[in-house]
Amino acid sequence: MHSTKQEEAEGHSMGAKVAQKTSVHTILAQSYTIYFLALLFGIFFDFLFPRKLFEQSTLVPVGAVIIVLSTCLIFWAQTTSRNLKKETLTKESFCSGPYCFTRIPTHLGLFLLMLGFGLVMNATFIILFTVLSFLVTKLIFTKMEEVMLADKYGAPYLEYKKSVRF
């Protein structure tokens, strides 16, 4: 989706207002909290209303593999983000490690981690709340974070954002 100049200006003014009140790390912490709360709600509702997603345990090994791979993705993303060189930023500065494939590797890793857990536990509500938490963080927190990063890093980040769509 392409946004108009007016939408970008409004987004940047929103980012300036958000930046005055909070930091990128605060937004990230809030979005990670959404995942945690969604997991707790999923466990709670699966306990109250036990519904199995599938009859046989064929997806349990798939869920276990997803858990391992998503954990690796989260560690890779966190390690890569710490190594961002802040002097002389270019589009390529942002494109390293998993950030070459997605702008939200930690969120994607958390989503897959919870999804894998839901598959291992064969828990319908955990999977449902996993999808909901991903949508909430993608549509709300990621938007706020990206506006702040665009305000902070300018053209290099905007070029990176155009080249890495998801």
N, C-alpha and C. Protein backbone atom coordinates (compact mmCIF):
# COMPACT_ATOMS: atom_id res chain seq x y z
N MET A 1 0.84 -1.18 0.00
CA MET A 1 0.00 0.00 0.00
C MET A 1 0.88 1.24 0.00
N HIS A 2 0.55 2.17 -0.86
CA HIS A 2 1.30 3.41 -0.92
C HIS A 2 0.52 4.48 -0.19
N SER A 3 1.21 5.25 0.61
CA SER A 3 0.53 6.30 1.34
C SER A 3 0.79 7.63 0.65
N THR A 4 -0.11 8.55 0.84
CA THR A 4 0.04 9.88 0.26
C THR A 4 0.96 10.70 1.14
N LYS A 5 1.38 11.83 0.58
CA LYS A 5 2.26 12.72 1.35
C LYS A 5 1.56 13.24 2.60
N GLN A 6 0.25 13.49 2.50
CA GLN A 6 -0.49 13.98 3.65
C GLN A 6 -0.53 12.92 4.75
N GLU A 7 -0.76 11.64 4.37
CA GLU A 7 -0.77 10.56 5.36
C GLU A 7 0.59 10.42 6.01
N GLU A 8 1.67 10.55 5.20
CA GLU A 8 3.01 10.46 5.77
C GLU A 8 3.26 11.61 6.74
N ALA A 9 2.82 12.82 6.37
CA ALA A 9 3.00 13.98 7.25
C ALA A 9 2.23 13.78 8.55
N GLU A 10 0.99 13.27 8.43
CA GLU A 10 0.20 13.01 9.64
C GLU A 10 0.87 11.93 10.49
N GLY A 11 1.40 10.93 9.82
CA GLY A 11 2.09 9.86 10.54
C GLY A 11 3.31 10.37 11.26
N HIS A 12 4.07 11.27 10.60
CA HIS A 12 5.25 11.82 11.24
C HIS A 12 4.89 12.75 12.39
N SER A 13 3.79 13.50 12.25
CA SER A 13 3.38 14.36 13.37
C SER A 13 2.91 13.50 14.53
N MET A 14 2.24 12.37 14.23
CA MET A 14 1.85 11.43 15.29
C MET A 14 3.10 10.87 15.95
N GLY A 15 4.11 10.56 15.12
CA GLY A 15 5.35 10.03 15.66
C GLY A 15 6.05 11.02 16.57
N ALA A 16 6.00 12.29 16.20
CA ALA A 16 6.61 13.32 17.04
C ALA A 16 5.91 13.40 18.39
N LYS A 17 4.57 13.29 18.36
CA LYS A 17 3.81 13.31 19.61
C LYS A 17 4.14 12.08 20.46
N VAL A 18 4.21 10.92 19.80
CA VAL A 18 4.53 9.68 20.52
C VAL A 18 5.95 9.76 21.06
N ALA A 19 6.88 10.29 20.25
CA ALA A 19 8.28 10.36 20.66
C ALA A 19 8.46 11.23 21.89
N GLN A 20 7.63 12.26 22.02
CA GLN A 20 7.73 13.12 23.20
C GLN A 20 7.36 12.35 24.46
N LYS A 21 6.46 11.39 24.33
CA LYS A 21 5.95 10.68 25.50
C LYS A 21 6.70 9.39 25.79
N THR A 22 7.29 8.76 24.77
CA THR A 22 7.83 7.43 24.96
C THR A 22 9.00 7.19 24.03
N SER A 23 9.63 6.04 24.18
CA SER A 23 10.75 5.67 23.32
C SER A 23 10.40 4.40 22.55
N VAL A 24 11.23 4.08 21.58
CA VAL A 24 11.03 2.85 20.80
C VAL A 24 11.06 1.64 21.73
N HIS A 25 11.95 1.65 22.68
CA HIS A 25 12.07 0.51 23.61
C HIS A 25 10.81 0.35 24.48
N THR A 26 10.20 1.46 24.83
CA THR A 26 8.95 1.39 25.59
C THR A 26 7.85 0.76 24.75
N ILE A 27 7.76 1.17 23.49
CA ILE A 27 6.76 0.60 22.59
C ILE A 27 7.01 -0.89 22.39
N LEU A 28 8.28 -1.27 22.23
CA LEU A 28 8.60 -2.69 22.08
C LEU A 28 8.21 -3.48 23.33
N ALA A 29 8.51 -2.92 24.49
CA ALA A 29 8.15 -3.60 25.74
C ALA A 29 6.64 -3.77 25.85
N GLN A 30 5.90 -2.75 25.46
CA GLN A 30 4.44 -2.85 25.50
C GLN A 30 3.93 -3.91 24.53
N SER A 31 4.52 -3.96 23.35
CA SER A 31 4.05 -4.95 22.37
C SER A 31 4.42 -6.37 22.81
N TYR A 32 5.57 -6.54 23.43
CA TYR A 32 5.94 -7.87 23.94
C TYR A 32 5.02 -8.28 25.09
N THR A 33 4.56 -7.30 25.85
CA THR A 33 3.61 -7.57 26.92
C THR A 33 2.28 -8.08 26.36
N ILE A 34 1.89 -7.56 25.21
CA ILE A 34 0.66 -8.04 24.56
C ILE A 34 0.78 -9.53 24.25
N TYR A 35 1.93 -9.96 23.75
CA TYR A 35 2.14 -11.39 23.48
C TYR A 35 2.03 -12.21 24.77
N PHE A 36 2.65 -11.72 25.83
CA PHE A 36 2.61 -12.44 27.09
C PHE A 36 1.18 -12.54 27.63
N LEU A 37 0.45 -11.43 27.60
CA LEU A 37 -0.93 -11.45 28.08
C LEU A 37 -1.80 -12.36 27.21
N ALA A 38 -1.58 -12.33 25.91
CA ALA A 38 -2.33 -13.21 25.01
C ALA A 38 -2.06 -14.67 25.34
N LEU A 39 -0.83 -14.99 25.64
CA LEU A 39 -0.49 -16.37 26.02
C LEU A 39 -1.21 -16.76 27.31
N LEU A 40 -1.20 -15.86 28.29
CA LEU A 40 -1.89 -16.15 29.55
C LEU A 40 -3.40 -16.32 29.34
N PHE A 41 -4.00 -15.44 28.55
CA PHE A 41 -5.43 -15.57 28.25
C PHE A 41 -5.72 -16.87 27.51
N GLY A 42 -4.85 -17.21 26.56
CA GLY A 42 -5.03 -18.46 25.83
C GLY A 42 -4.98 -19.67 26.73
N ILE A 43 -4.01 -19.69 27.64
CA ILE A 43 -3.90 -20.79 28.59
C ILE A 43 -5.13 -20.84 29.50
N PHE A 44 -5.56 -19.68 29.97
CA PHE A 44 -6.73 -19.60 30.85
C PHE A 44 -7.99 -20.14 30.15
N PHE A 45 -8.24 -19.67 28.93
CA PHE A 45 -9.43 -20.12 28.21
C PHE A 45 -9.34 -21.58 27.79
N ASP A 46 -8.15 -22.05 27.48
CA ASP A 46 -7.99 -23.47 27.16
C ASP A 46 -8.22 -24.34 28.39
N PHE A 47 -7.91 -23.80 29.55
CA PHE A 47 -8.17 -24.52 30.79
C PHE A 47 -9.68 -24.56 31.08
N LEU A 48 -10.34 -23.40 30.87
CA LEU A 48 -11.79 -23.34 31.12
C LEU A 48 -12.60 -24.11 30.09
N PHE A 49 -12.21 -23.97 28.83
CA PHE A 49 -12.96 -24.60 27.73
C PHE A 49 -12.00 -25.46 26.91
N PRO A 50 -11.68 -26.64 27.42
CA PRO A 50 -10.69 -27.47 26.70
C PRO A 50 -11.22 -27.94 25.35
N ARG A 51 -10.64 -27.40 24.30
CA ARG A 51 -10.99 -27.78 22.93
C ARG A 51 -9.69 -28.15 22.23
N LYS A 52 -9.67 -29.31 21.66
CA LYS A 52 -8.49 -29.75 20.94
C LYS A 52 -8.61 -29.32 19.48
N LEU A 53 -7.53 -28.85 18.95
CA LEU A 53 -7.49 -28.39 17.57
C LEU A 53 -7.46 -29.57 16.60
N PHE A 54 -6.76 -30.62 16.99
CA PHE A 54 -6.66 -31.81 16.15
C PHE A 54 -6.71 -33.04 17.04
N GLU A 55 -7.18 -34.13 16.48
CA GLU A 55 -7.38 -35.36 17.26
C GLU A 55 -6.07 -36.11 17.52
N GLN A 56 -5.24 -36.21 16.52
CA GLN A 56 -3.99 -36.94 16.67
C GLN A 56 -2.86 -35.96 16.95
N SER A 57 -1.81 -36.46 17.50
CA SER A 57 -0.69 -35.58 17.88
C SER A 57 0.34 -35.44 16.76
N THR A 58 -0.11 -35.39 15.51
CA THR A 58 0.81 -35.29 14.39
C THR A 58 1.49 -33.93 14.28
N LEU A 59 0.86 -32.89 14.78
CA LEU A 59 1.45 -31.55 14.69
C LEU A 59 2.36 -31.21 15.87
N VAL A 60 2.44 -32.08 16.86
CA VAL A 60 3.30 -31.81 18.02
C VAL A 60 4.77 -31.67 17.60
N PRO A 61 5.33 -32.58 16.77
CA PRO A 61 6.72 -32.38 16.35
C PRO A 61 6.90 -31.12 15.51
N VAL A 62 5.91 -30.79 14.70
CA VAL A 62 5.98 -29.55 13.92
C VAL A 62 6.04 -28.35 14.85
N GLY A 63 5.20 -28.36 15.87
CA GLY A 63 5.21 -27.28 16.86
C GLY A 63 6.54 -27.17 17.58
N ALA A 64 7.15 -28.32 17.90
CA ALA A 64 8.45 -28.31 18.58
C ALA A 64 9.53 -27.71 17.69
N VAL A 65 9.51 -28.04 16.42
CA VAL A 65 10.48 -27.47 15.48
C VAL A 65 10.27 -25.97 15.34
N ILE A 66 9.01 -25.55 15.27
CA ILE A 66 8.71 -24.12 15.19
C ILE A 66 9.21 -23.39 16.43
N ILE A 67 9.06 -24.00 17.60
CA ILE A 67 9.56 -23.38 18.84
C ILE A 67 11.07 -23.17 18.78
N VAL A 68 11.80 -24.18 18.34
CA VAL A 68 13.26 -24.08 18.27
C VAL A 68 13.68 -23.02 17.24
N LEU A 69 13.09 -23.06 16.05
CA LEU A 69 13.46 -22.11 15.00
C LEU A 69 13.08 -20.67 15.37
N SER A 70 11.92 -20.49 16.00
CA SER A 70 11.52 -19.14 16.38
C SER A 70 12.39 -18.58 17.49
N THR A 71 12.83 -19.43 18.39
CA THR A 71 13.76 -18.99 19.43
C THR A 71 15.07 -18.52 18.80
N CYS A 72 15.55 -19.27 17.82
CA CYS A 72 16.78 -18.87 17.11
C CYS A 72 16.57 -17.54 16.39
N LEU A 73 15.40 -17.35 15.77
CA LEU A 73 15.10 -16.10 15.08
C LEU A 73 15.10 -14.92 16.05
N ILE A 74 14.51 -15.10 17.21
CA ILE A 74 14.48 -14.02 18.21
C ILE A 74 15.89 -13.65 18.66
N PHE A 75 16.72 -14.65 18.97
CA PHE A 75 18.10 -14.37 19.39
C PHE A 75 18.89 -13.72 18.26
N TRP A 76 18.70 -14.18 17.05
CA TRP A 76 19.39 -13.61 15.89
C TRP A 76 18.99 -12.15 15.71
N ALA A 77 17.70 -11.86 15.82
CA ALA A 77 17.22 -10.48 15.67
C ALA A 77 17.77 -9.58 16.76
N GLN A 78 17.75 -10.05 18.00
CA GLN A 78 18.23 -9.23 19.11
C GLN A 78 19.73 -8.97 19.00
N THR A 79 20.49 -9.97 18.61
CA THR A 79 21.93 -9.82 18.44
C THR A 79 22.24 -8.85 17.30
N THR A 80 21.52 -8.98 16.20
CA THR A 80 21.74 -8.11 15.05
C THR A 80 21.39 -6.67 15.37
N SER A 81 20.29 -6.45 16.07
CA SER A 81 19.87 -5.07 16.36
C SER A 81 20.85 -4.36 17.29
N ARG A 82 21.52 -5.10 18.12
CA ARG A 82 22.52 -4.47 19.01
C ARG A 82 23.74 -4.00 18.24
N ASN A 83 23.99 -4.59 17.08
CA ASN A 83 25.19 -4.27 16.31
C ASN A 83 24.97 -3.18 15.27
N LEU A 84 23.83 -2.48 15.31
CA LEU A 84 23.56 -1.42 14.35
C LEU A 84 24.54 -0.27 14.57
N LYS A 85 25.26 0.05 13.52
CA LYS A 85 26.20 1.17 13.57
C LYS A 85 25.43 2.45 13.31
N LYS A 86 25.48 3.36 14.24
CA LYS A 86 24.64 4.56 14.15
C LYS A 86 25.30 5.71 13.38
N GLU A 87 26.58 5.64 13.15
CA GLU A 87 27.22 6.70 12.37
C GLU A 87 27.13 6.36 10.88
N THR A 88 26.96 7.37 10.06
CA THR A 88 26.81 7.24 8.61
C THR A 88 25.84 6.13 8.22
N LEU A 89 24.59 6.33 8.58
CA LEU A 89 23.55 5.35 8.27
C LEU A 89 23.18 5.37 6.80
N THR A 90 22.97 4.18 6.26
CA THR A 90 22.44 4.01 4.91
C THR A 90 21.34 2.96 4.98
N LYS A 91 20.69 2.74 3.86
CA LYS A 91 19.65 1.71 3.80
C LYS A 91 20.25 0.36 4.20
N GLU A 92 21.47 0.09 3.78
CA GLU A 92 22.13 -1.18 4.06
C GLU A 92 22.45 -1.34 5.55
N SER A 93 22.54 -0.24 6.28
CA SER A 93 22.80 -0.32 7.73
C SER A 93 21.68 -1.07 8.44
N PHE A 94 20.46 -0.90 7.95
CA PHE A 94 19.31 -1.54 8.57
C PHE A 94 19.13 -2.98 8.08
N CYS A 95 19.67 -3.26 6.91
CA CYS A 95 19.46 -4.57 6.29
C CYS A 95 20.62 -5.50 6.66
N SER A 96 20.52 -6.09 7.83
CA SER A 96 21.50 -7.09 8.24
C SER A 96 20.77 -8.18 9.03
N GLY A 97 21.28 -9.38 8.93
CA GLY A 97 20.67 -10.51 9.62
C GLY A 97 19.24 -10.70 9.17
N PRO A 98 18.32 -11.00 10.10
CA PRO A 98 16.93 -11.24 9.71
C PRO A 98 16.21 -9.98 9.23
N TYR A 99 16.79 -8.82 9.50
CA TYR A 99 16.18 -7.57 9.07
C TYR A 99 16.23 -7.38 7.56
N CYS A 100 16.96 -8.23 6.85
CA CYS A 100 16.94 -8.21 5.38
C CYS A 100 15.66 -8.85 4.84
N PHE A 101 15.01 -9.66 5.65
CA PHE A 101 13.83 -10.39 5.21
C PHE A 101 12.53 -9.81 5.78
N THR A 102 12.60 -9.26 6.97
CA THR A 102 11.43 -8.69 7.62
C THR A 102 11.86 -7.54 8.53
N ARG A 103 11.01 -6.53 8.64
CA ARG A 103 11.32 -5.41 9.54
C ARG A 103 10.96 -5.75 10.99
N ILE A 104 10.25 -6.85 11.19
CA ILE A 104 9.79 -7.19 12.54
C ILE A 104 10.19 -8.63 12.93
N PRO A 105 11.48 -8.96 12.88
CA PRO A 105 11.84 -10.35 13.16
C PRO A 105 11.55 -10.81 14.59
N THR A 106 11.66 -9.94 15.56
CA THR A 106 11.37 -10.35 16.93
C THR A 106 9.88 -10.62 17.10
N HIS A 107 9.05 -9.75 16.55
CA HIS A 107 7.60 -9.98 16.61
C HIS A 107 7.23 -11.26 15.87
N LEU A 108 7.83 -11.47 14.72
CA LEU A 108 7.56 -12.69 13.97
C LEU A 108 8.02 -13.92 14.77
N GLY A 109 9.17 -13.80 15.42
CA GLY A 109 9.66 -14.89 16.27
C GLY A 109 8.74 -15.18 17.44
N LEU A 110 8.25 -14.13 18.09
CA LEU A 110 7.32 -14.32 19.21
C LEU A 110 6.01 -14.96 18.73
N PHE A 111 5.53 -14.51 17.58
CA PHE A 111 4.32 -15.10 17.01
C PHE A 111 4.54 -16.60 16.75
N LEU A 112 5.63 -16.94 16.10
CA LEU A 112 5.91 -18.35 15.80
C LEU A 112 6.15 -19.17 17.06
N LEU A 113 6.80 -18.56 18.05
CA LEU A 113 7.04 -19.26 19.32
C LEU A 113 5.72 -19.62 19.99
N MET A 114 4.80 -18.67 20.06
CA MET A 114 3.50 -18.95 20.67
C MET A 114 2.68 -19.91 19.82
N LEU A 115 2.77 -19.78 18.51
CA LEU A 115 2.06 -20.70 17.62
C LEU A 115 2.57 -22.13 17.81
N GLY A 116 3.90 -22.26 17.87
CA GLY A 116 4.48 -23.59 18.10
C GLY A 116 4.05 -24.16 19.43
N PHE A 117 4.01 -23.32 20.45
CA PHE A 117 3.55 -23.77 21.77
C PHE A 117 2.09 -24.22 21.71
N GLY A 118 1.26 -23.46 20.98
CA GLY A 118 -0.14 -23.83 20.82
C GLY A 118 -0.30 -25.17 20.10
N LEU A 119 0.55 -25.42 19.12
CA LEU A 119 0.51 -26.70 18.42
C LEU A 119 0.96 -27.84 19.31
N VAL A 120 2.04 -27.62 20.06
CA VAL A 120 2.53 -28.67 20.98
C VAL A 120 1.47 -29.00 22.02
N MET A 121 0.80 -27.98 22.53
CA MET A 121 -0.21 -28.19 23.56
C MET A 121 -1.57 -28.56 22.97
N ASN A 122 -1.69 -28.47 21.64
CA ASN A 122 -2.96 -28.75 20.96
C ASN A 122 -4.07 -27.88 21.57
N ALA A 123 -3.79 -26.59 21.67
CA ALA A 123 -4.65 -25.66 22.39
C ALA A 123 -5.23 -24.62 21.43
N THR A 124 -6.51 -24.72 21.20
CA THR A 124 -7.21 -23.84 20.27
C THR A 124 -7.12 -22.38 20.67
N PHE A 125 -7.36 -22.08 21.93
CA PHE A 125 -7.39 -20.68 22.37
C PHE A 125 -6.00 -20.05 22.37
N ILE A 126 -4.97 -20.82 22.64
CA ILE A 126 -3.62 -20.26 22.56
C ILE A 126 -3.33 -19.85 21.12
N ILE A 127 -3.70 -20.68 20.17
CA ILE A 127 -3.47 -20.34 18.76
C ILE A 127 -4.31 -19.13 18.35
N LEU A 128 -5.54 -19.09 18.79
CA LEU A 128 -6.42 -17.96 18.49
C LEU A 128 -5.86 -16.65 19.05
N PHE A 129 -5.47 -16.67 20.31
CA PHE A 129 -4.92 -15.46 20.93
C PHE A 129 -3.55 -15.11 20.36
N THR A 130 -2.82 -16.10 19.86
CA THR A 130 -1.55 -15.83 19.19
C THR A 130 -1.77 -14.99 17.94
N VAL A 131 -2.73 -15.39 17.14
CA VAL A 131 -3.04 -14.65 15.92
C VAL A 131 -3.54 -13.24 16.26
N LEU A 132 -4.39 -13.14 17.25
CA LEU A 132 -4.90 -11.82 17.66
C LEU A 132 -3.78 -10.91 18.16
N SER A 133 -2.87 -11.46 18.96
CA SER A 133 -1.78 -10.63 19.48
C SER A 133 -0.86 -10.17 18.36
N PHE A 134 -0.63 -11.02 17.37
CA PHE A 134 0.20 -10.61 16.24
C PHE A 134 -0.46 -9.47 15.48
N LEU A 135 -1.75 -9.58 15.24
CA LEU A 135 -2.47 -8.52 14.52
C LEU A 135 -2.45 -7.20 15.29
N VAL A 136 -2.67 -7.28 16.59
CA VAL A 136 -2.66 -6.06 17.42
C VAL A 136 -1.28 -5.41 17.38
N THR A 137 -0.23 -6.19 17.58
CA THR A 137 1.11 -5.60 17.59
C THR A 137 1.50 -5.08 16.22
N LYS A 138 1.11 -5.79 15.17
CA LYS A 138 1.46 -5.35 13.81
C LYS A 138 0.72 -4.08 13.43
N LEU A 139 -0.56 -4.02 13.77
CA LEU A 139 -1.36 -2.87 13.35
C LEU A 139 -1.22 -1.65 14.24
N ILE A 140 -0.85 -1.84 15.49
CA ILE A 140 -0.77 -0.70 16.42
C ILE A 140 0.68 -0.37 16.77
N PHE A 141 1.35 -1.29 17.44
CA PHE A 141 2.67 -0.99 17.98
C PHE A 141 3.75 -0.88 16.90
N THR A 142 3.68 -1.72 15.88
CA THR A 142 4.68 -1.65 14.82
C THR A 142 4.55 -0.35 14.06
N LYS A 143 3.33 0.10 13.83
CA LYS A 143 3.12 1.39 13.15
C LYS A 143 3.75 2.53 13.95
N MET A 144 3.51 2.55 15.25
CA MET A 144 4.08 3.61 16.09
C MET A 144 5.61 3.54 16.08
N GLU A 145 6.15 2.34 16.17
CA GLU A 145 7.60 2.16 16.17
C GLU A 145 8.20 2.65 14.85
N GLU A 146 7.57 2.31 13.74
CA GLU A 146 8.11 2.70 12.44
C GLU A 146 8.07 4.20 12.23
N VAL A 147 7.05 4.87 12.72
CA VAL A 147 6.98 6.32 12.63
C VAL A 147 8.13 6.93 13.42
N MET A 148 8.38 6.42 14.61
CA MET A 148 9.47 6.94 15.44
C MET A 148 10.82 6.69 14.78
N LEU A 149 11.02 5.50 14.20
CA LEU A 149 12.28 5.20 13.53
C LEU A 149 12.48 6.07 12.30
N ALA A 150 11.41 6.35 11.58
CA ALA A 150 11.50 7.24 10.42
C ALA A 150 11.87 8.65 10.86
N ASP A 151 11.29 9.11 11.96
CA ASP A 151 11.64 10.44 12.49
C ASP A 151 13.09 10.48 12.95
N LYS A 152 13.54 9.41 13.57
CA LYS A 152 14.89 9.37 14.13
C LYS A 152 15.97 9.20 13.07
N TYR A 153 15.74 8.29 12.09
CA TYR A 153 16.78 7.95 11.13
C TYR A 153 16.56 8.53 9.74
N GLY A 154 15.37 9.03 9.46
CA GLY A 154 15.11 9.73 8.21
C GLY A 154 15.13 8.87 6.96
N ALA A 155 15.73 9.44 5.91
CA ALA A 155 15.71 8.83 4.57
C ALA A 155 16.28 7.41 4.53
N PRO A 156 17.39 7.12 5.21
CA PRO A 156 17.89 5.74 5.14
C PRO A 156 16.88 4.71 5.63
N TYR A 157 16.17 5.04 6.71
CA TYR A 157 15.17 4.10 7.21
C TYR A 157 13.99 3.99 6.26
N LEU A 158 13.56 5.10 5.68
CA LEU A 158 12.44 5.07 4.74
C LEU A 158 12.78 4.25 3.49
N GLU A 159 14.04 4.35 3.01
CA GLU A 159 14.48 3.53 1.89
C GLU A 159 14.47 2.05 2.28
N TYR A 160 14.96 1.76 3.47
CA TYR A 160 14.94 0.38 3.96
C TYR A 160 13.52 -0.14 4.06
N LYS A 161 12.62 0.69 4.56
CA LYS A 161 11.22 0.30 4.73
C LYS A 161 10.58 -0.02 3.38
N LYS A 162 10.95 0.72 2.33
CA LYS A 162 10.43 0.43 1.00
C LYS A 162 10.99 -0.87 0.44
N SER A 163 12.24 -1.17 0.77
CA SER A 163 12.87 -2.37 0.19
C SER A 163 12.48 -3.66 0.93
N VAL A 164 12.19 -3.56 2.23
CA VAL A 164 11.77 -4.73 3.01
C VAL A 164 10.33 -4.47 3.43
N ARG A 165 9.40 -5.11 2.73
CA ARG A 165 7.98 -4.79 2.89
C ARG A 165 7.36 -5.27 4.19
N PHE A 166 7.71 -6.46 4.66
CA PHE A 166 7.01 -7.03 5.83
C PHE A 166 7.84 -6.85 7.06
